[in-house]
Amino acid sequence: MLTKRLVALMLCGAAIGAALSLTLAAAAAPPDATALPSTSTAVKNALKYLKSRQTRSGGFSAKGMSQSAATPWVVMAVRAAGQDPAKWRRAGGKTPIQYMQGLDIERLADGTTPKNPAATYSKYILAYKAARKTSLIRRAGRKRVDLVVKLLAYQDAASGRFTTAAGGKGSYAAISTTTYAVLALKAAGRASAARSRAVQWLRTQAHSSGGFSWNPGGSPDVDSTGAAIQALRAGGVSSSSGVIRGALKFMKAKQQRDGGFAYDFGGSVLESSALAIQGIVAAGQDPAGAAWRRGGKSPVYYLCTMQARNGSFYHLGRISATPLLATSYAVMGLKNKKLPL
């Protein structure tokens, strides 16, 4: 179960196992609504935290993730909040874009654990798009590689799916890999034929319950489903289509009484809830609306209950696991922003 969560969310940047949902209970009850900050205040405090974690190299560092893994997601969060990540820098330091341009992205892609080069290329494409530096997608990193060309090397030409292996061989992590590849190709504004083939394949991967898994034949989960909705919508699938309506129904069944969403079992998880919000927004619905309240609480409410005093966000209960990732996802959720930005 832990391995499943790691692979599925390597694309999202998380490094936490779903098993935590069972073994680590929430340590504190959510505060009363009257004690919660407004969403704008929560975002403001989150940005302060993210800024405090920036290094002079331009990247972002905190426990649980390397700078190279966390920085693209922080870039997306900063854009979601309406700021320009290309202008963020410490005194005497570099910007996040300068940091990314100093990396050997090919080496990073080959060195991920579990290995999924396509995931790394997709993540960096999405970050360059969020930074409004799309021209750098063709000359990314220290070696100035074309990230779209690198990503397309992991597509199976016949089926359209993307996998962890060159040529799209095998099927390991194919659903999650294809999901983020579609979003990345949309962000890059290129390879429309390849993107269309990937979308058509992705549509066929919906479980009978309506949800999506990270891997063909696996059990569906909220994270994969929220991400898949974004990819399908980015690929032109109508919000009124059966596949989107089925995915939303699946997620609704996973909503908890605190307004948040469970990964696939157990209590609410921050990243799962933020991804659910992104899927809801992509489908053209309001995550704070009556249709997405349980016990009178929405997923937006839940996100606000998960903020720590330093502005970061907890992963589960009062457990801080990968705060840069959790905070980045929370900002995108609180701002009702879907990918690509």
C-alpha atoms as a PDB file:
ATOM      1  CA  MET A   1       0.000   0.000   0.000  1.00  0.00           C
ATOM      2  CA  LEU A   2       2.839   2.378   0.830  1.00  0.00           C
ATOM      3  CA  THR A   3       4.509   1.674  -2.523  1.00  0.00           C
ATOM      4  CA  LYS A   4       1.230   2.317  -4.337  1.00  0.00           C
ATOM      5  CA  ARG A   5       0.889   5.752  -2.730  1.00  0.00           C
ATOM      6  CA  LEU A   6       4.521   6.624  -3.410  1.00  0.00           C
ATOM      7  CA  VAL A   7       4.288   5.845  -7.116  1.00  0.00           C
ATOM      8  CA  ALA A   8       0.904   7.464  -7.592  1.00  0.00           C
ATOM      9  CA  LEU A   9       1.930  10.698  -5.929  1.00  0.00           C
ATOM     10  CA  MET A  10       5.481  10.913  -7.172  1.00  0.00           C
ATOM     11  CA  LEU A  11       3.900  12.919  -9.963  1.00  0.00           C
ATOM     12  CA  CYS A  12       2.214  15.133  -7.436  1.00  0.00           C
ATOM     13  CA  GLY A  13       5.407  15.322  -5.412  1.00  0.00           C
ATOM     14  CA  ALA A  14       4.140  13.572  -2.266  1.00  0.00           C
ATOM     15  CA  ALA A  15       6.212  10.983  -0.454  1.00  0.00           C
ATOM     16  CA  ILE A  16       3.661   9.759   2.049  1.00  0.00           C
ATOM     17  CA  GLY A  17       2.024   6.358   2.186  1.00  0.00           C
ATOM     18  CA  ALA A  18      -1.702   5.833   2.254  1.00  0.00           C
ATOM     19  CA  ALA A  19      -1.010   3.487   5.150  1.00  0.00           C
ATOM     20  CA  LEU A  20      -0.547   6.569   7.327  1.00  0.00           C
ATOM     21  CA  SER A  21      -4.259   7.190   7.026  1.00  0.00           C
ATOM     22  CA  LEU A  22      -4.822   4.014   9.038  1.00  0.00           C
ATOM     23  CA  THR A  23      -1.898   4.021  11.418  1.00  0.00           C
ATOM     24  CA  LEU A  24      -1.763   7.708  12.348  1.00  0.00           C
ATOM     25  CA  ALA A  25      -5.008   9.204  13.558  1.00  0.00           C
ATOM     26  CA  ALA A  26      -5.708  12.921  13.633  1.00  0.00           C
ATOM     27  CA  ALA A  27      -4.106  14.356  16.741  1.00  0.00           C
ATOM     28  CA  ALA A  28      -6.443  17.299  17.124  1.00  0.00           C
ATOM     29  CA  ALA A  29      -9.966  18.155  16.133  1.00  0.00           C
ATOM     30  CA  PRO A  30     -10.417  20.920  13.551  1.00  0.00           C
ATOM     31  CA  PRO A  31     -11.040  24.324  15.113  1.00  0.00           C
ATOM     32  CA  ASP A  32     -14.417  25.986  15.071  1.00  0.00           C
ATOM     33  CA  ALA A  33     -15.264  27.892  11.918  1.00  0.00           C
ATOM     34  CA  THR A  34     -15.216  31.137  13.887  1.00  0.00           C
ATOM     35  CA  ALA A  35     -11.541  30.541  14.698  1.00  0.00           C
ATOM     36  CA  LEU A  36     -10.504  29.923  11.110  1.00  0.00           C
ATOM     37  CA  PRO A  37      -8.810  32.562   8.972  1.00  0.00           C
ATOM     38  CA  SER A  38     -10.393  33.646   5.727  1.00  0.00           C
ATOM     39  CA  THR A  39      -9.117  31.884   2.632  1.00  0.00           C
ATOM     40  CA  SER A  40      -7.262  35.055   1.624  1.00  0.00           C
ATOM     41  CA  THR A  41      -5.526  35.191   4.998  1.00  0.00           C
ATOM     42  CA  ALA A  42      -4.704  31.489   4.806  1.00  0.00           C
ATOM     43  CA  VAL A  43      -3.118  31.997   1.382  1.00  0.00           C
ATOM     44  CA  LYS A  44      -1.202  35.060   2.601  1.00  0.00           C
ATOM     45  CA  ASN A  45       0.230  33.088   5.517  1.00  0.00           C
ATOM     46  CA  ALA A  46       1.043  30.161   3.229  1.00  0.00           C
ATOM     47  CA  LEU A  47       3.003  32.423   0.897  1.00  0.00           C
ATOM     48  CA  LYS A  48       4.952  33.784   3.858  1.00  0.00           C
ATOM     49  CA  TYR A  49       5.895  30.246   4.780  1.00  0.00           C
ATOM     50  CA  LEU A  50       6.919  29.358   1.229  1.00  0.00           C
ATOM     51  CA  LYS A  51       8.999  32.518   0.991  1.00  0.00           C
ATOM     52  CA  SER A  52      10.744  31.644   4.256  1.00  0.00           C
ATOM     53  CA  ARG A  53      11.842  28.328   2.738  1.00  0.00           C
ATOM     54  CA  GLN A  54      13.519  29.837  -0.322  1.00  0.00           C
ATOM     55  CA  THR A  55      17.290  29.405  -0.475  1.00  0.00           C
ATOM     56  CA  ARG A  56      19.797  31.704  -2.117  1.00  0.00           C
ATOM     57  CA  SER A  57      19.993  29.203  -4.969  1.00  0.00           C
ATOM     58  CA  GLY A  58      16.400  30.172  -5.786  1.00  0.00           C
ATOM     59  CA  GLY A  59      14.904  26.799  -4.889  1.00  0.00           C
ATOM     60  CA  PHE A  60      12.834  25.838  -1.862  1.00  0.00           C
ATOM     61  CA  SER A  61      13.931  23.530   0.923  1.00  0.00           C
ATOM     62  CA  ALA A  62      12.096  21.786   3.772  1.00  0.00           C
ATOM     63  CA  LYS A  63      11.917  18.331   5.292  1.00  0.00           C
ATOM     64  CA  GLY A  64      10.524  15.466   3.260  1.00  0.00           C
ATOM     65  CA  MET A  65      11.501  16.650  -0.237  1.00  0.00           C
ATOM     66  CA  SER A  66      14.574  17.741  -2.141  1.00  0.00           C
ATOM     67  CA  GLN A  67      14.747  21.240  -3.596  1.00  0.00           C
ATOM     68  CA  SER A  68      14.518  19.878  -7.119  1.00  0.00           C
ATOM     69  CA  ALA A  69      11.352  17.941  -6.278  1.00  0.00           C
ATOM     70  CA  ALA A  70       9.623  20.718  -4.337  1.00  0.00           C
ATOM     71  CA  THR A  71      10.492  23.839  -6.320  1.00  0.00           C
ATOM     72  CA  PRO A  72       8.266  23.219  -9.391  1.00  0.00           C
ATOM     73  CA  TRP A  73       5.221  22.800  -7.141  1.00  0.00           C
ATOM     74  CA  VAL A  74       6.013  25.966  -5.205  1.00  0.00           C
ATOM     75  CA  VAL A  75       6.312  27.826  -8.519  1.00  0.00           C
ATOM     76  CA  MET A  76       2.811  26.623  -9.427  1.00  0.00           C
ATOM     77  CA  ALA A  77       1.455  27.689  -6.029  1.00  0.00           C
ATOM     78  CA  VAL A  78       2.933  31.165  -6.336  1.00  0.00           C
ATOM     79  CA  ARG A  79       1.288  31.604  -9.744  1.00  0.00           C
ATOM     80  CA  ALA A  80      -2.007  30.238  -8.401  1.00  0.00           C
ATOM     81  CA  ALA A  81      -1.880  32.928  -5.722  1.00  0.00           C
ATOM     82  CA  GLY A  82      -1.573  35.608  -8.400  1.00  0.00           C
ATOM     83  CA  GLN A  83       2.111  36.388  -7.945  1.00  0.00           C
ATOM     84  CA  ASP A  84       5.017  36.114 -10.378  1.00  0.00           C
ATOM     85  CA  PRO A  85       7.390  33.321  -9.325  1.00  0.00           C
ATOM     86  CA  ALA A  86      10.057  34.743 -11.637  1.00  0.00           C
ATOM     87  CA  LYS A  87      10.320  37.697  -9.241  1.00  0.00           C
ATOM     88  CA  TRP A  88      10.712  35.711  -6.039  1.00  0.00           C
ATOM     89  CA  ARG A  89      14.247  35.798  -4.638  1.00  0.00           C
ATOM     90  CA  ARG A  90      16.077  36.199  -1.367  1.00  0.00           C
ATOM     91  CA  ALA A  91      18.371  39.184  -0.977  1.00  0.00           C
ATOM     92  CA  GLY A  92      21.422  38.445  -3.063  1.00  0.00           C
ATOM     93  CA  GLY A  93      19.920  35.200  -4.297  1.00  0.00           C
ATOM     94  CA  LYS A  94      18.510  33.728  -7.485  1.00  0.00           C
ATOM     95  CA  THR A  95      14.933  33.244  -8.663  1.00  0.00           C
ATOM     96  CA  PRO A  96      13.210  29.844  -8.880  1.00  0.00           C
ATOM     97  CA  ILE A  97      13.536  30.028 -12.665  1.00  0.00           C
ATOM     98  CA  GLN A  98      17.273  30.571 -12.427  1.00  0.00           C
ATOM     99  CA  TYR A  99      17.411  27.634 -10.036  1.00  0.00           C
ATOM    100  CA  MET A 100      15.561  25.341 -12.451  1.00  0.00           C
ATOM    101  CA  GLN A 101      17.729  26.483 -15.343  1.00  0.00           C
ATOM    102  CA  GLY A 102      20.788  25.479 -13.371  1.00  0.00           C
ATOM    103  CA  LEU A 103      19.622  21.876 -12.943  1.00  0.00           C
ATOM    104  CA  ASP A 104      20.486  18.849 -15.053  1.00  0.00           C
ATOM    105  CA  ILE A 105      16.840  17.853 -15.555  1.00  0.00           C
ATOM    106  CA  GLU A 106      17.726  14.727 -17.567  1.00  0.00           C
ATOM    107  CA  ARG A 107      19.816  13.439 -14.690  1.00  0.00           C
ATOM    108  CA  LEU A 108      17.044  14.246 -12.238  1.00  0.00           C
ATOM    109  CA  ALA A 109      14.532  12.388 -14.392  1.00  0.00           C
ATOM    110  CA  ASP A 110      16.720   9.273 -14.512  1.00  0.00           C
ATOM    111  CA  GLY A 111      17.429   9.383 -10.790  1.00  0.00           C
ATOM    112  CA  THR A 112      13.926   9.497  -9.351  1.00  0.00           C
ATOM    113  CA  THR A 113      12.799   6.740  -6.978  1.00  0.00           C
ATOM    114  CA  PRO A 114      10.607   5.027  -8.020  1.00  0.00           C
ATOM    115  CA  LYS A 115      11.934   5.794 -11.480  1.00  0.00           C
ATOM    116  CA  ASN A 116       9.549   7.771 -13.675  1.00  0.00           C
ATOM    117  CA  PRO A 117      11.349  10.175 -16.039  1.00  0.00           C
ATOM    118  CA  ALA A 118       8.100  11.195 -17.751  1.00  0.00           C
ATOM    119  CA  ALA A 119       6.774  12.414 -14.398  1.00  0.00           C
ATOM    120  CA  THR A 120       9.769  14.696 -13.926  1.00  0.00           C
ATOM    121  CA  TYR A 121       9.514  16.142 -17.433  1.00  0.00           C
ATOM    122  CA  SER A 122       5.781  16.758 -16.969  1.00  0.00           C
ATOM    123  CA  LYS A 123       6.312  18.499 -13.631  1.00  0.00           C
ATOM    124  CA  TYR A 124       8.926  20.869 -15.012  1.00  0.00           C
ATOM    125  CA  ILE A 125       6.850  21.688 -18.091  1.00  0.00           C
ATOM    126  CA  LEU A 126       3.955  22.632 -15.806  1.00  0.00           C
ATOM    127  CA  ALA A 127       6.283  24.791 -13.703  1.00  0.00           C
ATOM    128  CA  TYR A 128       7.737  26.682 -16.673  1.00  0.00           C
ATOM    129  CA  LYS A 129       4.201  27.318 -17.910  1.00  0.00           C
ATOM    130  CA  ALA A 130       3.146  28.599 -14.488  1.00  0.00           C
ATOM    131  CA  ALA A 131       6.135  30.936 -14.496  1.00  0.00           C
ATOM    132  CA  ARG A 132       5.133  32.186 -17.964  1.00  0.00           C
ATOM    133  CA  LYS A 133       8.476  30.985 -19.298  1.00  0.00           C
ATOM    134  CA  THR A 134       7.172  28.624 -21.966  1.00  0.00           C
ATOM    135  CA  SER A 135      10.081  29.385 -24.277  1.00  0.00           C
ATOM    136  CA  LEU A 136      12.331  27.651 -21.757  1.00  0.00           C
ATOM    137  CA  ILE A 137      10.443  24.372 -22.226  1.00  0.00           C
ATOM    138  CA  ARG A 138      12.467  23.970 -25.453  1.00  0.00           C
ATOM    139  CA  ARG A 139      15.766  24.743 -23.699  1.00  0.00           C
ATOM    140  CA  ALA A 140      15.295  23.697 -20.110  1.00  0.00           C
ATOM    141  CA  GLY A 141      17.895  23.228 -17.439  1.00  0.00           C
ATOM    142  CA  ARG A 142      21.648  23.418 -17.597  1.00  0.00           C
ATOM    143  CA  LYS A 143      21.800  21.247 -20.728  1.00  0.00           C
ATOM    144  CA  ARG A 144      19.014  23.180 -22.498  1.00  0.00           C
ATOM    145  CA  VAL A 145      16.920  20.124 -23.370  1.00  0.00           C
ATOM    146  CA  ASP A 146      13.505  20.160 -25.035  1.00  0.00           C
ATOM    147  CA  LEU A 147      11.211  18.795 -22.336  1.00  0.00           C
ATOM    148  CA  VAL A 148       8.375  17.957 -24.720  1.00  0.00           C
ATOM    149  CA  VAL A 149      10.671  15.852 -26.905  1.00  0.00           C
ATOM    150  CA  LYS A 150      11.943  14.091 -23.784  1.00  0.00           C
ATOM    151  CA  LEU A 151       8.406  13.476 -22.550  1.00  0.00           C
ATOM    152  CA  LEU A 152       7.140  12.102 -25.854  1.00  0.00           C
ATOM    153  CA  ALA A 153       9.832   9.425 -25.735  1.00  0.00           C
ATOM    154  CA  TYR A 154       7.732   7.740 -23.032  1.00  0.00           C
ATOM    155  CA  GLN A 155       4.524   7.458 -25.063  1.00  0.00           C
ATOM    156  CA  ASP A 156       3.313   4.245 -26.650  1.00  0.00           C
ATOM    157  CA  ALA A 157       2.480   5.263 -30.223  1.00  0.00           C
ATOM    158  CA  ALA A 158      -0.191   2.594 -30.623  1.00  0.00           C
ATOM    159  CA  SER A 159      -2.270   3.109 -27.465  1.00  0.00           C
ATOM    160  CA  GLY A 160      -1.365   6.708 -26.651  1.00  0.00           C
ATOM    161  CA  ARG A 161      -0.515   6.007 -23.022  1.00  0.00           C
ATOM    162  CA  PHE A 162       2.618   7.208 -21.236  1.00  0.00           C
ATOM    163  CA  THR A 163       4.550   4.927 -18.888  1.00  0.00           C
ATOM    164  CA  THR A 164       7.742   4.887 -16.851  1.00  0.00           C
ATOM    165  CA  ALA A 165       9.614   3.097 -19.645  1.00  0.00           C
ATOM    166  CA  ALA A 166      10.927   4.436 -22.960  1.00  0.00           C
ATOM    167  CA  GLY A 167       8.503   3.933 -25.811  1.00  0.00           C
ATOM    168  CA  GLY A 168       5.616   3.587 -23.383  1.00  0.00           C
ATOM    169  CA  LYS A 169       6.457  -0.059 -22.811  1.00  0.00           C
ATOM    170  CA  GLY A 170       4.643  -1.932 -20.089  1.00  0.00           C
ATOM    171  CA  SER A 171       1.812  -0.412 -18.104  1.00  0.00           C
ATOM    172  CA  TYR A 172       3.363   0.455 -14.748  1.00  0.00           C
ATOM    173  CA  ALA A 173       1.983   3.771 -13.388  1.00  0.00           C
ATOM    174  CA  ALA A 174       0.455   4.344 -16.809  1.00  0.00           C
ATOM    175  CA  ILE A 175      -2.677   6.176 -15.627  1.00  0.00           C
ATOM    176  CA  SER A 176      -0.920   8.682 -13.384  1.00  0.00           C
ATOM    177  CA  THR A 177       1.911   9.150 -15.878  1.00  0.00           C
ATOM    178  CA  THR A 178      -0.509   9.716 -18.753  1.00  0.00           C
ATOM    179  CA  THR A 179      -2.613  12.104 -16.664  1.00  0.00           C
ATOM    180  CA  TYR A 180       0.248  14.490 -16.000  1.00  0.00           C
ATOM    181  CA  ALA A 181       1.682  14.075 -19.492  1.00  0.00           C
ATOM    182  CA  VAL A 182      -1.632  15.311 -20.911  1.00  0.00           C
ATOM    183  CA  LEU A 183      -1.572  18.323 -18.590  1.00  0.00           C
ATOM    184  CA  ALA A 184       2.052  19.043 -19.514  1.00  0.00           C
ATOM    185  CA  LEU A 185       1.418  18.817 -23.265  1.00  0.00           C
ATOM    186  CA  LYS A 186      -1.542  21.154 -22.852  1.00  0.00           C
ATOM    187  CA  ALA A 187       0.684  23.559 -20.925  1.00  0.00           C
ATOM    188  CA  ALA A 188       3.346  23.441 -23.630  1.00  0.00           C
ATOM    189  CA  GLY A 189       0.784  23.999 -26.395  1.00  0.00           C
ATOM    190  CA  ARG A 190       2.445  21.352 -28.539  1.00  0.00           C
ATOM    191  CA  ALA A 191       2.026  17.764 -29.763  1.00  0.00           C
ATOM    192  CA  SER A 192      -1.760  18.009 -29.979  1.00  0.00           C
ATOM    193  CA  ALA A 193      -2.070  14.679 -31.816  1.00  0.00           C
ATOM    194  CA  ALA A 194      -0.083  12.891 -29.121  1.00  0.00           C
ATOM    195  CA  ARG A 195      -2.174  14.592 -26.463  1.00  0.00           C
ATOM    196  CA  SER A 196      -5.421  13.512 -28.143  1.00  0.00           C
ATOM    197  CA  ARG A 197      -4.294   9.874 -28.273  1.00  0.00           C
ATOM    198  CA  ALA A 198      -3.372  10.025 -24.598  1.00  0.00           C
ATOM    199  CA  VAL A 199      -6.757  11.504 -23.666  1.00  0.00           C
ATOM    200  CA  GLN A 200      -8.608   8.802 -25.570  1.00  0.00           C
ATOM    201  CA  TRP A 201      -6.644   6.113 -23.757  1.00  0.00           C
ATOM    202  CA  LEU A 202      -7.176   7.802 -20.394  1.00  0.00           C
ATOM    203  CA  ARG A 203     -10.945   7.839 -20.905  1.00  0.00           C
ATOM    204  CA  THR A 204     -10.946   4.057 -21.139  1.00  0.00           C
ATOM    205  CA  GLN A 205      -9.269   3.694 -17.741  1.00  0.00           C
ATOM    206  CA  ALA A 206     -12.212   4.773 -15.599  1.00  0.00           C
ATOM    207  CA  HIS A 207     -13.174   2.128 -13.048  1.00  0.00           C
ATOM    208  CA  SER A 208     -16.743   0.838 -12.913  1.00  0.00           C
ATOM    209  CA  SER A 209     -17.167   3.034  -9.817  1.00  0.00           C
ATOM    210  CA  GLY A 210     -16.274   6.105 -11.888  1.00  0.00           C
ATOM    211  CA  GLY A 211     -12.934   6.656 -10.207  1.00  0.00           C
ATOM    212  CA  PHE A 212      -9.402   6.330 -11.553  1.00  0.00           C
ATOM    213  CA  SER A 213      -6.402   4.484 -10.169  1.00  0.00           C
ATOM    214  CA  TRP A 214      -2.725   5.337 -10.583  1.00  0.00           C
ATOM    215  CA  ASN A 215      -2.140   2.061 -12.401  1.00  0.00           C
ATOM    216  CA  PRO A 216      -4.296  -0.001 -14.792  1.00  0.00           C
ATOM    217  CA  GLY A 217      -6.271  -2.593 -12.892  1.00  0.00           C
ATOM    218  CA  GLY A 218      -5.705  -0.933  -9.528  1.00  0.00           C
ATOM    219  CA  SER A 219      -8.227   0.329  -7.013  1.00  0.00           C
ATOM    220  CA  PRO A 220      -9.459   3.868  -7.727  1.00  0.00           C
ATOM    221  CA  ASP A 221      -8.512   6.719  -5.389  1.00  0.00           C
ATOM    222  CA  VAL A 222      -9.375  10.395  -4.992  1.00  0.00           C
ATOM    223  CA  ASP A 223      -5.909  11.705  -5.910  1.00  0.00           C
ATOM    224  CA  SER A 224      -5.799   9.927  -9.261  1.00  0.00           C
ATOM    225  CA  THR A 225      -9.432  10.789  -9.966  1.00  0.00           C
ATOM    226  CA  GLY A 226      -9.083  14.504  -9.232  1.00  0.00           C
ATOM    227  CA  ALA A 227      -5.999  14.659 -11.428  1.00  0.00           C
ATOM    228  CA  ALA A 228      -7.630  12.642 -14.226  1.00  0.00           C
ATOM    229  CA  ILE A 229     -10.604  15.020 -14.337  1.00  0.00           C
ATOM    230  CA  GLN A 230      -8.195  17.907 -14.893  1.00  0.00           C
ATOM    231  CA  ALA A 231      -6.415  16.044 -17.686  1.00  0.00           C
ATOM    232  CA  LEU A 232      -9.633  14.995 -19.414  1.00  0.00           C
ATOM    233  CA  ARG A 233     -10.994  18.522 -19.290  1.00  0.00           C
ATOM    234  CA  ALA A 234      -7.656  19.894 -20.555  1.00  0.00           C
ATOM    235  CA  GLY A 235      -7.988  17.378 -23.382  1.00  0.00           C
ATOM    236  CA  GLY A 236     -11.382  18.727 -24.395  1.00  0.00           C
ATOM    237  CA  VAL A 237     -13.684  16.216 -22.690  1.00  0.00           C
ATOM    238  CA  SER A 238     -17.012  17.847 -21.813  1.00  0.00           C
ATOM    239  CA  SER A 239     -17.898  18.396 -18.162  1.00  0.00           C
ATOM    240  CA  SER A 240     -21.278  16.819 -18.920  1.00  0.00           C
ATOM    241  CA  SER A 241     -19.730  13.618 -20.288  1.00  0.00           C
ATOM    242  CA  GLY A 242     -20.370  10.338 -18.531  1.00  0.00           C
ATOM    243  CA  VAL A 243     -16.710   9.861 -17.626  1.00  0.00           C
ATOM    244  CA  ILE A 244     -16.540  13.218 -15.816  1.00  0.00           C
ATOM    245  CA  ARG A 245     -19.882  12.748 -14.075  1.00  0.00           C
ATOM    246  CA  GLY A 246     -18.814   9.277 -12.956  1.00  0.00           C
ATOM    247  CA  ALA A 247     -15.515  10.585 -11.586  1.00  0.00           C
ATOM    248  CA  LEU A 248     -17.268  13.314  -9.607  1.00  0.00           C
ATOM    249  CA  LYS A 249     -19.712  10.778  -8.171  1.00  0.00           C
ATOM    250  CA  PHE A 250     -16.809   8.602  -7.058  1.00  0.00           C
ATOM    251  CA  MET A 251     -15.119  11.520  -5.303  1.00  0.00           C
ATOM    252  CA  LYS A 252     -18.332  12.580  -3.593  1.00  0.00           C
ATOM    253  CA  ALA A 253     -18.568   9.126  -2.021  1.00  0.00           C
ATOM    254  CA  LYS A 254     -15.106   9.683  -0.503  1.00  0.00           C
ATOM    255  CA  GLN A 255     -15.961  13.002   1.135  1.00  0.00           C
ATOM    256  CA  GLN A 256     -15.715  12.998   4.937  1.00  0.00           C
ATOM    257  CA  ARG A 257     -17.733  14.807   7.597  1.00  0.00           C
ATOM    258  CA  ASP A 258     -14.989  17.401   8.028  1.00  0.00           C
ATOM    259  CA  GLY A 259     -15.458  18.405   4.384  1.00  0.00           C
ATOM    260  CA  GLY A 260     -12.214  16.823   3.223  1.00  0.00           C
ATOM    261  CA  PHE A 261     -11.575  13.697   1.177  1.00  0.00           C
ATOM    262  CA  ALA A 262      -9.997  10.372   2.035  1.00  0.00           C
ATOM    263  CA  TYR A 263      -7.351   8.976  -0.310  1.00  0.00           C
ATOM    264  CA  ASP A 264      -9.086   5.630  -0.714  1.00  0.00           C
ATOM    265  CA  PHE A 265      -9.917   4.791   2.909  1.00  0.00           C
ATOM    266  CA  GLY A 266      -9.433   6.310   6.330  1.00  0.00           C
ATOM    267  CA  GLY A 267      -9.763   9.980   7.203  1.00  0.00           C
ATOM    268  CA  SER A 268      -9.306  13.151   5.202  1.00  0.00           C
ATOM    269  CA  VAL A 269      -5.901  13.892   3.676  1.00  0.00           C
ATOM    270  CA  LEU A 270      -4.732  17.382   2.673  1.00  0.00           C
ATOM    271  CA  GLU A 271      -3.296  16.487  -0.732  1.00  0.00           C
ATOM    272  CA  SER A 272      -6.273  14.307  -1.622  1.00  0.00           C
ATOM    273  CA  SER A 273      -8.676  17.099  -0.701  1.00  0.00           C
ATOM    274  CA  ALA A 274      -6.751  19.700  -2.714  1.00  0.00           C
ATOM    275  CA  LEU A 275      -6.671  17.429  -5.765  1.00  0.00           C
ATOM    276  CA  ALA A 276     -10.400  16.804  -5.364  1.00  0.00           C
ATOM    277  CA  ILE A 277     -10.996  20.566  -5.349  1.00  0.00           C
ATOM    278  CA  GLN A 278      -8.950  20.934  -8.531  1.00  0.00           C
ATOM    279  CA  GLY A 279     -11.022  18.217 -10.187  1.00  0.00           C
ATOM    280  CA  ILE A 280     -14.261  19.858  -9.068  1.00  0.00           C
ATOM    281  CA  VAL A 281     -13.112  23.219 -10.417  1.00  0.00           C
ATOM    282  CA  ALA A 282     -11.997  21.649 -13.702  1.00  0.00           C
ATOM    283  CA  ALA A 283     -15.493  20.161 -14.038  1.00  0.00           C
ATOM    284  CA  GLY A 284     -16.986  23.633 -13.722  1.00  0.00           C
ATOM    285  CA  GLN A 285     -18.403  23.225 -10.212  1.00  0.00           C
ATOM    286  CA  ASP A 286     -17.973  25.202  -6.998  1.00  0.00           C
ATOM    287  CA  PRO A 287     -16.096  23.270  -4.281  1.00  0.00           C
ATOM    288  CA  ALA A 288     -17.536  25.609  -1.641  1.00  0.00           C
ATOM    289  CA  GLY A 289     -21.099  25.159  -2.902  1.00  0.00           C
ATOM    290  CA  ALA A 290     -23.907  23.176  -1.332  1.00  0.00           C
ATOM    291  CA  ALA A 291     -23.313  20.163  -3.594  1.00  0.00           C
ATOM    292  CA  TRP A 292     -19.856  19.705  -2.085  1.00  0.00           C
ATOM    293  CA  ARG A 293     -20.673  20.078   1.587  1.00  0.00           C
ATOM    294  CA  ARG A 294     -20.922  17.252   4.064  1.00  0.00           C
ATOM    295  CA  GLY A 295     -22.106  17.994   7.561  1.00  0.00           C
ATOM    296  CA  GLY A 296     -22.280  21.603   6.405  1.00  0.00           C
ATOM    297  CA  LYS A 297     -18.534  21.670   5.696  1.00  0.00           C
ATOM    298  CA  SER A 298     -16.860  22.059   2.301  1.00  0.00           C
ATOM    299  CA  PRO A 299     -13.394  20.905   1.220  1.00  0.00           C
ATOM    300  CA  VAL A 300     -12.335  24.567   1.274  1.00  0.00           C
ATOM    301  CA  TYR A 301     -13.301  24.690   4.952  1.00  0.00           C
ATOM    302  CA  TYR A 302     -11.298  21.532   5.552  1.00  0.00           C
ATOM    303  CA  LEU A 303      -8.168  23.014   3.955  1.00  0.00           C
ATOM    304  CA  CYS A 304      -8.386  26.017   6.285  1.00  0.00           C
ATOM    305  CA  THR A 305      -8.492  23.710   9.321  1.00  0.00           C
ATOM    306  CA  MET A 306      -5.192  22.164   8.241  1.00  0.00           C
ATOM    307  CA  GLN A 307      -2.942  25.208   8.440  1.00  0.00           C
ATOM    308  CA  ALA A 308      -0.162  25.248  11.013  1.00  0.00           C
ATOM    309  CA  ARG A 309       0.905  28.341  12.945  1.00  0.00           C
ATOM    310  CA  ASN A 310       3.909  28.881  10.677  1.00  0.00           C
ATOM    311  CA  GLY A 311       1.655  29.078   7.600  1.00  0.00           C
ATOM    312  CA  SER A 312       2.436  25.602   6.257  1.00  0.00           C
ATOM    313  CA  PHE A 313      -0.206  22.873   5.974  1.00  0.00           C
ATOM    314  CA  TYR A 314      -0.425  19.503   7.653  1.00  0.00           C
ATOM    315  CA  HIS A 315      -0.677  16.292   5.659  1.00  0.00           C
ATOM    316  CA  LEU A 316      -3.008  14.364   7.961  1.00  0.00           C
ATOM    317  CA  GLY A 317      -4.443  15.409  11.304  1.00  0.00           C
ATOM    318  CA  ARG A 318      -1.587  17.344  12.875  1.00  0.00           C
ATOM    319  CA  ILE A 319       1.139  15.454  11.052  1.00  0.00           C
ATOM    320  CA  SER A 320       3.545  17.515   8.970  1.00  0.00           C
ATOM    321  CA  ALA A 321       5.175  15.275   6.381  1.00  0.00           C
ATOM    322  CA  THR A 322       6.081  17.180   3.209  1.00  0.00           C
ATOM    323  CA  PRO A 323       5.093  20.744   4.111  1.00  0.00           C
ATOM    324  CA  LEU A 324       6.242  22.377   0.867  1.00  0.00           C
ATOM    325  CA  LEU A 325       4.095  20.018  -1.176  1.00  0.00           C
ATOM    326  CA  ALA A 326       1.100  20.183   1.163  1.00  0.00           C
ATOM    327  CA  THR A 327       1.272  23.977   1.285  1.00  0.00           C
ATOM    328  CA  SER A 328       1.598  24.281  -2.486  1.00  0.00           C
ATOM    329  CA  TYR A 329      -1.419  22.059  -3.020  1.00  0.00           C
ATOM    330  CA  ALA A 330      -3.396  23.905  -0.359  1.00  0.00           C
ATOM    331  CA  VAL A 331      -2.754  27.246  -2.053  1.00  0.00           C
ATOM    332  CA  MET A 332      -3.939  25.921  -5.421  1.00  0.00           C
ATOM    333  CA  GLY A 333      -7.029  24.476  -3.742  1.00  0.00           C
ATOM    334  CA  LEU A 334      -7.845  27.606  -1.750  1.00  0.00           C
ATOM    335  CA  LYS A 335      -7.488  29.707  -4.900  1.00  0.00           C
ATOM    336  CA  ASN A 336      -9.702  27.287  -6.892  1.00  0.00           C
ATOM    337  CA  LYS A 337      -6.987  26.786  -9.502  1.00  0.00           C
ATOM    338  CA  LYS A 338      -6.735  23.755 -11.756  1.00  0.00           C
ATOM    339  CA  LEU A 339      -3.797  22.572 -13.832  1.00  0.00           C
ATOM    340  CA  PRO A 340      -2.255  23.689 -16.059  1.00  0.00           C
ATOM    341  CA  LEU A 341      -1.919  27.199 -14.647  1.00  0.00           C
END
